Amino acid sequence: MSNIRNYAKAIALRITDEWSGKQEFPEDAFLLKEILTELLLQNPEKCQKLIGTGIIEENYFDELK
């Protein structure tokens, strides 16, 4: 999937935004987002499994246009 990088970043951002410690530990939230993005990019098949779930809609990027 050619958009896997975009999806990985969006998934990592969404998960990080939902983390309860985001406001209190912004540096940790940034680190979490970076690590999640890297892990999802290293495992594109796992990232693909999250697309179309409650974490990220399959048409997420279509809606942004």
PDB file of N, CA and C in Angstrom:
ATOM      1  N   MET A   1       0.837  -1.183   0.000  1.00  0.00           N
ATOM      2  CA  MET A   1       0.000   0.000   0.000  1.00  0.00           C
ATOM      3  C   MET A   1       0.881   1.246   0.000  1.00  0.00           C
ATOM      4  N   SER A   2       0.684   2.098  -0.962  1.00  0.00           N
ATOM      5  CA  SER A   2       1.558   3.251  -1.125  1.00  0.00           C
ATOM      6  C   SER A   2       1.337   4.324  -0.055  1.00  0.00           C
ATOM      7  N   ASN A   3       0.167   4.358   0.532  1.00  0.00           N
ATOM      8  CA  ASN A   3      -0.125   5.358   1.555  1.00  0.00           C
ATOM      9  C   ASN A   3       0.190   4.876   2.961  1.00  0.00           C
ATOM     10  N   ILE A   4       0.931   3.801   3.088  1.00  0.00           N
ATOM     11  CA  ILE A   4       1.168   3.232   4.409  1.00  0.00           C
ATOM     12  C   ILE A   4       1.852   4.240   5.333  1.00  0.00           C
ATOM     13  N   ARG A   5       2.752   5.052   4.796  1.00  0.00           N
ATOM     14  CA  ARG A   5       3.433   6.068   5.613  1.00  0.00           C
ATOM     15  C   ARG A   5       2.420   7.067   6.178  1.00  0.00           C
ATOM     16  N   ASN A   6       1.499   7.516   5.339  1.00  0.00           N
ATOM     17  CA  ASN A   6       0.475   8.459   5.801  1.00  0.00           C
ATOM     18  C   ASN A   6      -0.411   7.826   6.863  1.00  0.00           C
ATOM     19  N   TYR A   7      -0.806   6.575   6.633  1.00  0.00           N
ATOM     20  CA  TYR A   7      -1.647   5.899   7.611  1.00  0.00           C
ATOM     21  C   TYR A   7      -0.892   5.668   8.917  1.00  0.00           C
ATOM     22  N   ALA A   8       0.368   5.263   8.828  1.00  0.00           N
ATOM     23  CA  ALA A   8       1.158   5.020  10.043  1.00  0.00           C
ATOM     24  C   ALA A   8       1.249   6.290  10.880  1.00  0.00           C
ATOM     25  N   LYS A   9       1.511   7.411  10.233  1.00  0.00           N
ATOM     26  CA  LYS A   9       1.599   8.681  10.954  1.00  0.00           C
ATOM     27  C   LYS A   9       0.256   9.056  11.572  1.00  0.00           C
ATOM     28  N   ALA A  10      -0.811   8.883  10.826  1.00  0.00           N
ATOM     29  CA  ALA A  10      -2.142   9.236  11.323  1.00  0.00           C
ATOM     30  C   ALA A  10      -2.567   8.337  12.481  1.00  0.00           C
ATOM     31  N   ILE A  11      -2.281   7.058  12.385  1.00  0.00           N
ATOM     32  CA  ILE A  11      -2.619   6.116  13.459  1.00  0.00           C
ATOM     33  C   ILE A  11      -1.833   6.470  14.721  1.00  0.00           C
ATOM     34  N   ALA A  12      -0.527   6.712  14.566  1.00  0.00           N
ATOM     35  CA  ALA A  12       0.307   7.064  15.717  1.00  0.00           C
ATOM     36  C   ALA A  12      -0.175   8.355  16.361  1.00  0.00           C
ATOM     37  N   LEU A  13      -0.548   9.330  15.556  1.00  0.00           N
ATOM     38  CA  LEU A  13      -1.053  10.590  16.093  1.00  0.00           C
ATOM     39  C   LEU A  13      -2.365  10.386  16.845  1.00  0.00           C
ATOM     40  N   ARG A  14      -3.256   9.597  16.272  1.00  0.00           N
ATOM     41  CA  ARG A  14      -4.549   9.367  16.928  1.00  0.00           C
ATOM     42  C   ARG A  14      -4.366   8.658  18.267  1.00  0.00           C
ATOM     43  N   ILE A  15      -3.517   7.641  18.311  1.00  0.00           N
ATOM     44  CA  ILE A  15      -3.273   6.913  19.560  1.00  0.00           C
ATOM     45  C   ILE A  15      -2.633   7.834  20.589  1.00  0.00           C
ATOM     46  N   THR A  16      -1.660   8.612  20.159  1.00  0.00           N
ATOM     47  CA  THR A  16      -0.979   9.541  21.059  1.00  0.00           C
ATOM     48  C   THR A  16      -1.940  10.592  21.591  1.00  0.00           C
ATOM     49  N   ASP A  17      -2.805  11.099  20.737  1.00  0.00           N
ATOM     50  CA  ASP A  17      -3.782  12.106  21.170  1.00  0.00           C
ATOM     51  C   ASP A  17      -4.729  11.560  22.240  1.00  0.00           C
ATOM     52  N   GLU A  18      -4.981  10.268  22.210  1.00  0.00           N
ATOM     53  CA  GLU A  18      -5.882   9.656  23.179  1.00  0.00           C
ATOM     54  C   GLU A  18      -5.193   9.308  24.497  1.00  0.00           C
ATOM     55  N   TRP A  19      -3.866   9.377  24.531  1.00  0.00           N
ATOM     56  CA  TRP A  19      -3.128   9.028  25.741  1.00  0.00           C
ATOM     57  C   TRP A  19      -3.405  10.059  26.834  1.00  0.00           C
ATOM     58  N   SER A  20      -3.774   9.601  28.004  1.00  0.00           N
ATOM     59  CA  SER A  20      -4.160  10.496  29.102  1.00  0.00           C
ATOM     60  C   SER A  20      -2.996  11.349  29.612  1.00  0.00           C
ATOM     61  N   GLY A  21      -1.781  10.947  29.392  1.00  0.00           N
ATOM     62  CA  GLY A  21      -0.626  11.704  29.880  1.00  0.00           C
ATOM     63  C   GLY A  21      -0.110  12.752  28.913  1.00  0.00           C
ATOM     64  N   LYS A  22      -0.791  12.899  27.794  1.00  0.00           N
ATOM     65  CA  LYS A  22      -0.321  13.806  26.738  1.00  0.00           C
ATOM     66  C   LYS A  22      -0.113  15.237  27.237  1.00  0.00           C
ATOM     67  N   GLN A  23      -1.041  15.751  27.998  1.00  0.00           N
ATOM     68  CA  GLN A  23      -0.943  17.142  28.468  1.00  0.00           C
ATOM     69  C   GLN A  23       0.154  17.320  29.515  1.00  0.00           C
ATOM     70  N   GLU A  24       0.265  16.355  30.392  1.00  0.00           N
ATOM     71  CA  GLU A  24       1.244  16.454  31.479  1.00  0.00           C
ATOM     72  C   GLU A  24       2.670  16.165  31.023  1.00  0.00           C
ATOM     73  N   PHE A  25       2.798  15.313  30.016  1.00  0.00           N
ATOM     74  CA  PHE A  25       4.119  14.898  29.532  1.00  0.00           C
ATOM     75  C   PHE A  25       4.213  15.060  28.011  1.00  0.00           C
ATOM     76  N   PRO A  26       4.234  16.283  27.510  1.00  0.00           N
ATOM     77  CA  PRO A  26       4.232  16.491  26.056  1.00  0.00           C
ATOM     78  C   PRO A  26       5.455  15.902  25.348  1.00  0.00           C
ATOM     79  N   GLU A  27       6.600  15.923  26.014  1.00  0.00           N
ATOM     80  CA  GLU A  27       7.796  15.340  25.391  1.00  0.00           C
ATOM     81  C   GLU A  27       7.635  13.830  25.224  1.00  0.00           C
ATOM     82  N   ASP A  28       7.018  13.202  26.215  1.00  0.00           N
ATOM     83  CA  ASP A  28       6.774  11.766  26.138  1.00  0.00           C
ATOM     84  C   ASP A  28       5.746  11.440  25.062  1.00  0.00           C
ATOM     85  N   ALA A  29       4.765  12.317  24.905  1.00  0.00           N
ATOM     86  CA  ALA A  29       3.757  12.118  23.857  1.00  0.00           C
ATOM     87  C   ALA A  29       4.420  12.182  22.484  1.00  0.00           C
ATOM     88  N   PHE A  30       5.317  13.119  22.301  1.00  0.00           N
ATOM     89  CA  PHE A  30       6.045  13.216  21.032  1.00  0.00           C
ATOM     90  C   PHE A  30       6.856  11.946  20.787  1.00  0.00           C
ATOM     91  N   LEU A  31       7.543  11.474  21.820  1.00  0.00           N
ATOM     92  CA  LEU A  31       8.331  10.252  21.713  1.00  0.00           C
ATOM     93  C   LEU A  31       7.445   9.055  21.380  1.00  0.00           C
ATOM     94  N   LEU A  32       6.308   8.958  22.032  1.00  0.00           N
ATOM     95  CA  LEU A  32       5.365   7.872  21.771  1.00  0.00           C
ATOM     96  C   LEU A  32       4.920   7.881  20.313  1.00  0.00           C
ATOM     97  N   LYS A  33       4.578   9.056  19.804  1.00  0.00           N
ATOM     98  CA  LYS A  33       4.138   9.180  18.412  1.00  0.00           C
ATOM     99  C   LYS A  33       5.242   8.737  17.447  1.00  0.00           C
ATOM    100  N   GLU A  34       6.468   9.158  17.720  1.00  0.00           N
ATOM    101  CA  GLU A  34       7.589   8.785  16.852  1.00  0.00           C
ATOM    102  C   GLU A  34       7.838   7.276  16.868  1.00  0.00           C
ATOM    103  N   ILE A  35       7.789   6.678  18.044  1.00  0.00           N
ATOM    104  CA  ILE A  35       8.019   5.233  18.170  1.00  0.00           C
ATOM    105  C   ILE A  35       6.904   4.447  17.495  1.00  0.00           C
ATOM    106  N   LEU A  36       5.659   4.840  17.729  1.00  0.00           N
ATOM    107  CA  LEU A  36       4.542   4.140  17.090  1.00  0.00           C
ATOM    108  C   LEU A  36       4.627   4.231  15.566  1.00  0.00           C
ATOM    109  N   THR A  37       4.967   5.397  15.059  1.00  0.00           N
ATOM    110  CA  THR A  37       5.097   5.568  13.611  1.00  0.00           C
ATOM    111  C   THR A  37       6.168   4.631  13.068  1.00  0.00           C
ATOM    112  N   GLU A  38       7.313   4.610  13.714  1.00  0.00           N
ATOM    113  CA  GLU A  38       8.418   3.755  13.268  1.00  0.00           C
ATOM    114  C   GLU A  38       8.019   2.281  13.299  1.00  0.00           C
ATOM    115  N   LEU A  39       7.382   1.857  14.369  1.00  0.00           N
ATOM    116  CA  LEU A  39       6.971   0.454  14.477  1.00  0.00           C
ATOM    117  C   LEU A  39       5.947   0.075  13.406  1.00  0.00           C
ATOM    118  N   LEU A  40       4.997   0.966  13.148  1.00  0.00           N
ATOM    119  CA  LEU A  40       3.995   0.692  12.118  1.00  0.00           C
ATOM    120  C   LEU A  40       4.623   0.636  10.731  1.00  0.00           C
ATOM    121  N   LEU A  41       5.609   1.484  10.484  1.00  0.00           N
ATOM    122  CA  LEU A  41       6.285   1.461   9.185  1.00  0.00           C
ATOM    123  C   LEU A  41       7.122   0.192   9.008  1.00  0.00           C
ATOM    124  N   GLN A  42       7.652  -0.319  10.098  1.00  0.00           N
ATOM    125  CA  GLN A  42       8.436  -1.556  10.047  1.00  0.00           C
ATOM    126  C   GLN A  42       7.551  -2.782   9.873  1.00  0.00           C
ATOM    127  N   ASN A  43       6.267  -2.637  10.180  1.00  0.00           N
ATOM    128  CA  ASN A  43       5.319  -3.746  10.104  1.00  0.00           C
ATOM    129  C   ASN A  43       4.094  -3.318   9.304  1.00  0.00           C
ATOM    130  N   PRO A  44       4.249  -3.109   7.997  1.00  0.00           N
ATOM    131  CA  PRO A  44       3.131  -2.600   7.200  1.00  0.00           C
ATOM    132  C   PRO A  44       1.895  -3.495   7.235  1.00  0.00           C
ATOM    133  N   GLU A  45       2.076  -4.802   7.376  1.00  0.00           N
ATOM    134  CA  GLU A  45       0.920  -5.698   7.427  1.00  0.00           C
ATOM    135  C   GLU A  45       0.120  -5.477   8.707  1.00  0.00           C
ATOM    136  N   LYS A  46       0.794  -5.168   9.799  1.00  0.00           N
ATOM    137  CA  LYS A  46       0.103  -4.863  11.058  1.00  0.00           C
ATOM    138  C   LYS A  46      -0.598  -3.511  10.956  1.00  0.00           C
ATOM    139  N   CYS A  47       0.063  -2.557  10.342  1.00  0.00           N
ATOM    140  CA  CYS A  47      -0.534  -1.242  10.130  1.00  0.00           C
ATOM    141  C   CYS A  47      -1.799  -1.379   9.289  1.00  0.00           C
ATOM    142  N   GLN A  48      -1.722  -2.176   8.250  1.00  0.00           N
ATOM    143  CA  GLN A  48      -2.856  -2.401   7.354  1.00  0.00           C
ATOM    144  C   GLN A  48      -4.062  -2.951   8.118  1.00  0.00           C
ATOM    145  N   LYS A  49      -3.794  -3.795   9.131  1.00  0.00           N
ATOM    146  CA  LYS A  49      -4.888  -4.381   9.908  1.00  0.00           C
ATOM    147  C   LYS A  49      -5.676  -3.330  10.692  1.00  0.00           C
ATOM    148  N   LEU A  50      -5.041  -2.210  11.022  1.00  0.00           N
ATOM    149  CA  LEU A  50      -5.712  -1.158  11.789  1.00  0.00           C
ATOM    150  C   LEU A  50      -6.575  -0.257  10.911  1.00  0.00           C
ATOM    151  N   ILE A  51      -6.305  -0.251   9.613  1.00  0.00           N
ATOM    152  CA  ILE A  51      -7.063   0.588   8.686  1.00  0.00           C
ATOM    153  C   ILE A  51      -8.452  -0.010   8.508  1.00  0.00           C
ATOM    154  N   GLY A  52      -9.453   0.815   8.691  1.00  0.00           N
ATOM    155  CA  GLY A  52     -10.836   0.357   8.599  1.00  0.00           C
ATOM    156  C   GLY A  52     -11.399  -0.074   9.939  1.00  0.00           C
ATOM    157  N   THR A  53     -10.663   0.246  11.007  1.00  0.00           N
ATOM    158  CA  THR A  53     -11.134  -0.065  12.358  1.00  0.00           C
ATOM    159  C   THR A  53     -11.573   1.234  13.034  1.00  0.00           C
ATOM    160  N   GLY A  54     -11.905   1.144  14.295  1.00  0.00           N
ATOM    161  CA  GLY A  54     -12.257   2.331  15.061  1.00  0.00           C
ATOM    162  C   GLY A  54     -11.079   3.253  15.305  1.00  0.00           C
ATOM    163  N   ILE A  55      -9.883   2.777  15.003  1.00  0.00           N
ATOM    164  CA  ILE A  55      -8.692   3.611  15.177  1.00  0.00           C
ATOM    165  C   ILE A  55      -8.529   4.577  14.014  1.00  0.00           C
ATOM    166  N   ILE A  56      -8.721   4.075  12.797  1.00  0.00           N
ATOM    167  CA  ILE A  56      -8.645   4.942  11.617  1.00  0.00           C
ATOM    168  C   ILE A  56      -9.531   4.378  10.519  1.00  0.00           C
ATOM    169  N   GLU A  57     -10.367   5.229   9.979  1.00  0.00           N
ATOM    170  CA  GLU A  57     -11.292   4.811   8.937  1.00  0.00           C
ATOM    171  C   GLU A  57     -10.533   4.557   7.636  1.00  0.00           C
ATOM    172  N   GLU A  58     -11.055   3.657   6.845  1.00  0.00           N
ATOM    173  CA  GLU A  58     -10.409   3.315   5.574  1.00  0.00           C
ATOM    174  C   GLU A  58     -10.367   4.524   4.635  1.00  0.00           C
ATOM    175  N   ASN A  59     -11.354   5.377   4.708  1.00  0.00           N
ATOM    176  CA  ASN A  59     -11.417   6.539   3.826  1.00  0.00           C
ATOM    177  C   ASN A  59     -10.943   7.816   4.524  1.00  0.00           C
ATOM    178  N   TYR A  60     -10.124   7.692   5.529  1.00  0.00           N
ATOM    179  CA  TYR A  60      -9.657   8.828   6.335  1.00  0.00           C
ATOM    180  C   TYR A  60      -9.091   9.949   5.469  1.00  0.00           C
ATOM    181  N   PHE A  61      -8.249   9.619   4.516  1.00  0.00           N
ATOM    182  CA  PHE A  61      -7.612  10.647   3.701  1.00  0.00           C
ATOM    183  C   PHE A  61      -8.539  11.183   2.620  1.00  0.00           C
ATOM    184  N   ASP A  62      -9.521  10.396   2.207  1.00  0.00           N
ATOM    185  CA  ASP A  62     -10.502  10.884   1.239  1.00  0.00           C
ATOM    186  C   ASP A  62     -11.325  12.013   1.841  1.00  0.00           C
ATOM    187  N   GLU A  63     -11.638  11.887   3.119  1.00  0.00           N
ATOM    188  CA  GLU A  63     -12.455  12.882   3.803  1.00  0.00           C
ATOM    189  C   GLU A  63     -11.724  14.208   3.983  1.00  0.00           C
ATOM    190  N   LEU A  64     -10.405  14.192   3.973  1.00  0.00           N
ATOM    191  CA  LEU A  64      -9.627  15.400   4.174  1.00  0.00           C
ATOM    192  C   LEU A  64      -9.504  16.245   2.918  1.00  0.00           C
ATOM    193  N   LYS A  65      -9.858  15.700   1.778  1.00  0.00           N
ATOM    194  CA  LYS A  65      -9.722  16.418   0.504  1.00  0.00           C
ATOM    195  C   LYS A  65     -10.783  17.464   0.338  1.00  0.00           C
TER     196      LYS A  65
END
